[in-house]
C-alpha atoms as a PDB file:
ATOM      1  CA  MET A   1       0.000   0.000   0.000  1.00  0.00           C
ATOM      2  CA  GLN A   2       1.290   3.430  -0.945  1.00  0.00           C
ATOM      3  CA  PRO A   3       0.357   6.896   0.310  1.00  0.00           C
ATOM      4  CA  ILE A   4      -1.380   9.210  -2.138  1.00  0.00           C
ATOM      5  CA  ASP A   5      -1.110  12.252   0.116  1.00  0.00           C
ATOM      6  CA  ILE A   6       0.745  12.992   3.352  1.00  0.00           C
ATOM      7  CA  GLN A   7       0.047  16.113   5.398  1.00  0.00           C
ATOM      8  CA  ILE A   8       0.839  17.501   8.812  1.00  0.00           C
ATOM      9  CA  ILE A   9      -2.439  18.622  10.360  1.00  0.00           C
ATOM     10  CA  GLY A  10      -1.921  20.303  13.716  1.00  0.00           C
ATOM     11  CA  THR A  11      -0.059  17.785  15.861  1.00  0.00           C
ATOM     12  CA  ALA A  12      -0.670  14.743  13.650  1.00  0.00           C
ATOM     13  CA  VAL A  13       0.473  13.162  10.413  1.00  0.00           C
ATOM     14  CA  ALA A  14      -2.437  12.397   8.100  1.00  0.00           C
ATOM     15  CA  VAL A  15      -2.007   9.854   5.296  1.00  0.00           C
ATOM     16  CA  LYS A  16      -4.431   9.050   2.492  1.00  0.00           C
ATOM     17  CA  TRP A  17      -3.681   5.610   1.037  1.00  0.00           C
ATOM     18  CA  THR A  18      -4.182   4.102  -2.412  1.00  0.00           C
ATOM     19  CA  ASP A  19      -7.148   2.083  -1.084  1.00  0.00           C
ATOM     20  CA  ASP A  20      -8.845   5.393  -0.102  1.00  0.00           C
ATOM     21  CA  SER A  21      -8.388   4.715   3.624  1.00  0.00           C
ATOM     22  CA  GLU A  22      -6.879   7.372   5.879  1.00  0.00           C
ATOM     23  CA  SER A  23      -4.493   7.137   8.816  1.00  0.00           C
ATOM     24  CA  PHE A  24      -3.746   9.673  11.525  1.00  0.00           C
ATOM     25  CA  VAL A  25      -0.820   9.418  13.936  1.00  0.00           C
ATOM     26  CA  SER A  26      -0.046  12.051  16.548  1.00  0.00           C
ATOM     27  CA  LEU A  27       3.480  13.432  16.395  1.00  0.00           C
ATOM     28  CA  GLU A  28       4.137  12.377  19.981  1.00  0.00           C
ATOM     29  CA  PHE A  29       3.031   8.782  19.321  1.00  0.00           C
ATOM     30  CA  LEU A  30       5.120   8.735  16.146  1.00  0.00           C
ATOM     31  CA  ARG A  31       8.244   9.916  17.960  1.00  0.00           C
ATOM     32  CA  ARG A  32       7.782   7.602  20.921  1.00  0.00           C
ATOM     33  CA  HIS A  33       7.626   4.677  18.477  1.00  0.00           C
ATOM     34  CA  CYS A  34      10.666   5.612  16.431  1.00  0.00           C
ATOM     35  CA  PRO A  35      11.956   2.317  15.006  1.00  0.00           C
ATOM     36  CA  CYS A  36      15.632   3.308  14.756  1.00  0.00           C
ATOM     37  CA  ALA A  37      18.283   1.227  16.501  1.00  0.00           C
ATOM     38  CA  GLY A  38      19.124   4.077  18.883  1.00  0.00           C
ATOM     39  CA  CYS A  39      15.539   4.339  20.129  1.00  0.00           C
ATOM     40  CA  GLN A  40      14.329   0.725  20.024  1.00  0.00           C
ATOM     41  CA  GLY A  41      17.607  -1.122  20.161  1.00  0.00           C
ATOM     42  CA  GLU A  42      19.337  -3.621  17.980  1.00  0.00           C
ATOM     43  CA  LYS A  43      19.672  -7.357  18.661  1.00  0.00           C
ATOM     44  CA  ASP A  44      22.936  -9.220  18.361  1.00  0.00           C
ATOM     45  CA  ILE A  45      23.187 -12.859  17.280  1.00  0.00           C
ATOM     46  CA  MET A  46      22.570 -13.986  20.878  1.00  0.00           C
ATOM     47  CA  GLY A  47      19.371 -11.966  21.169  1.00  0.00           C
ATOM     48  CA  ASN A  48      20.815  -9.268  23.447  1.00  0.00           C
ATOM     49  CA  VAL A  49      19.326  -5.830  22.768  1.00  0.00           C
ATOM     50  CA  TYR A  50      21.615  -2.818  22.619  1.00  0.00           C
ATOM     51  CA  LYS A  51      20.255   0.709  22.536  1.00  0.00           C
ATOM     52  CA  ASN A  52      20.982   4.219  23.688  1.00  0.00           C
ATOM     53  CA  SER A  53      20.300   5.115  27.294  1.00  0.00           C
ATOM     54  CA  PRO A  54      16.779   6.452  27.657  1.00  0.00           C
ATOM     55  CA  LYS A  55      16.611  10.218  27.740  1.00  0.00           C
ATOM     56  CA  PRO A  56      13.690  12.443  28.557  1.00  0.00           C
ATOM     57  CA  LEU A  57      12.045  13.904  25.483  1.00  0.00           C
ATOM     58  CA  ASP A  58      11.349  17.630  25.639  1.00  0.00           C
ATOM     59  CA  ALA A  59       8.880  19.639  23.548  1.00  0.00           C
ATOM     60  CA  GLN A  60      11.324  19.835  20.603  1.00  0.00           C
ATOM     61  CA  ALA A  61      11.311  16.043  20.389  1.00  0.00           C
ATOM     62  CA  PHE A  62       7.688  16.174  19.198  1.00  0.00           C
ATOM     63  CA  GLU A  63       8.082  19.116  16.825  1.00  0.00           C
ATOM     64  CA  LEU A  64       8.368  18.003  13.220  1.00  0.00           C
ATOM     65  CA  GLN A  65      10.663  20.019  10.950  1.00  0.00           C
ATOM     66  CA  GLY A  66      10.438  17.793   7.896  1.00  0.00           C
ATOM     67  CA  LEU A  67       8.992  14.566   6.571  1.00  0.00           C
ATOM     68  CA  HIS A  68      10.815  12.917   3.686  1.00  0.00           C
ATOM     69  CA  ARG A  69       9.860   9.949   1.536  1.00  0.00           C
ATOM     70  CA  VAL A  70      12.499   7.236   1.352  1.00  0.00           C
ATOM     71  CA  GLY A  71      12.305   5.225  -1.842  1.00  0.00           C
ATOM     72  CA  GLY A  72       8.862   3.763  -2.313  1.00  0.00           C
ATOM     73  CA  TYR A  73       8.554   2.246   1.135  1.00  0.00           C
ATOM     74  CA  ALA A  74       9.051   4.658   4.053  1.00  0.00           C
ATOM     75  CA  LEU A  75       8.982   8.109   5.614  1.00  0.00           C
ATOM     76  CA  ARG A  76      11.860   9.716   7.519  1.00  0.00           C
ATOM     77  CA  PRO A  77      10.822  12.427   9.975  1.00  0.00           C
ATOM     78  CA  VAL A  78      13.227  15.176  10.986  1.00  0.00           C
ATOM     79  CA  TRP A  79      12.553  16.391  14.519  1.00  0.00           C
ATOM     80  CA  ALA A  80      13.405  19.799  15.988  1.00  0.00           C
ATOM     81  CA  ASP A  81      15.785  18.188  18.506  1.00  0.00           C
ATOM     82  CA  GLY A  82      17.924  16.895  15.602  1.00  0.00           C
ATOM     83  CA  HIS A  83      16.779  13.262  15.608  1.00  0.00           C
ATOM     84  CA  ASN A  84      16.328  11.966  12.048  1.00  0.00           C
ATOM     85  CA  THR A  85      17.361   8.317  11.862  1.00  0.00           C
ATOM     86  CA  GLY A  86      13.969   6.611  12.112  1.00  0.00           C
ATOM     87  CA  LEU A  87      12.578   5.097   8.913  1.00  0.00           C
ATOM     88  CA  PHE A  88       8.852   4.446   9.216  1.00  0.00           C
ATOM     89  CA  SER A  89       7.802   1.889   6.614  1.00  0.00           C
ATOM     90  CA  TYR A  90       4.345   2.502   5.210  1.00  0.00           C
ATOM     91  CA  ASP A  91       3.126  -0.746   6.783  1.00  0.00           C
ATOM     92  CA  TYR A  92       4.528   0.296  10.181  1.00  0.00           C
ATOM     93  CA  LEU A  93       2.932   3.747   9.862  1.00  0.00           C
ATOM     94  CA  LYS A  94      -0.454   2.149   9.195  1.00  0.00           C
ATOM     95  CA  ARG A  95      -0.014  -0.172  12.203  1.00  0.00           C
ATOM     96  CA  LEU A  96       0.920   2.791  14.407  1.00  0.00           C
ATOM     97  CA  SER A  97      -2.261   4.555  13.399  1.00  0.00           C
ATOM     98  CA  SER A  98      -4.353   1.488  14.314  1.00  0.00           C
ATOM     99  CA  ALA A  99      -2.530   1.046  17.619  1.00  0.00           C
ATOM    100  CA  GLU A 100      -3.076   4.667  18.610  1.00  0.00           C
ATOM    101  CA  GLU A 101      -6.763   4.475  17.619  1.00  0.00           C
ATOM    102  CA  GLN A 102      -7.199   1.408  19.831  1.00  0.00           C
ATOM    103  CA  GLY A 103      -5.437   3.086  22.750  1.00  0.00           C
ATOM    104  CA  ASP A 104      -2.357   0.855  22.742  1.00  0.00           C
ATOM    105  CA  THR A 105       0.557   2.678  24.309  1.00  0.00           C
ATOM    106  CA  LEU A 106       3.175   0.405  22.753  1.00  0.00           C
ATOM    107  CA  LEU A 107       3.114  -2.046  19.878  1.00  0.00           C
ATOM    108  CA  ASP A 108       3.854  -5.686  20.686  1.00  0.00           C
ATOM    109  CA  GLU A 109       7.275  -5.634  19.060  1.00  0.00           C
ATOM    110  CA  PHE A 110       8.407  -2.970  21.559  1.00  0.00           C
ATOM    111  CA  ARG A 111       7.043  -4.528  24.749  1.00  0.00           C
END
């Protein structure tokens, strides 16, 4: 599934998809679910997870400065605090929208 249109509306990312469905993800939820190795960790061959030490996120962490398409499969947000390494696949973005709608605070893969 591909996005037809992507817009920032207030404090959310709105996506219209090729199947005419729409997704909305708040900027805070998006940032808190950044899939990059620094935020979510990276597993070694033994299954140990390595990631940056948790740091408190201030208001700039949820302020979007840019949103770039990456190839035909993902979006890369650029946040006001300088973070820009998370690649949100279109499938992951759609799942985030569903999770936020259902009130899930974290997706299963990050529990």
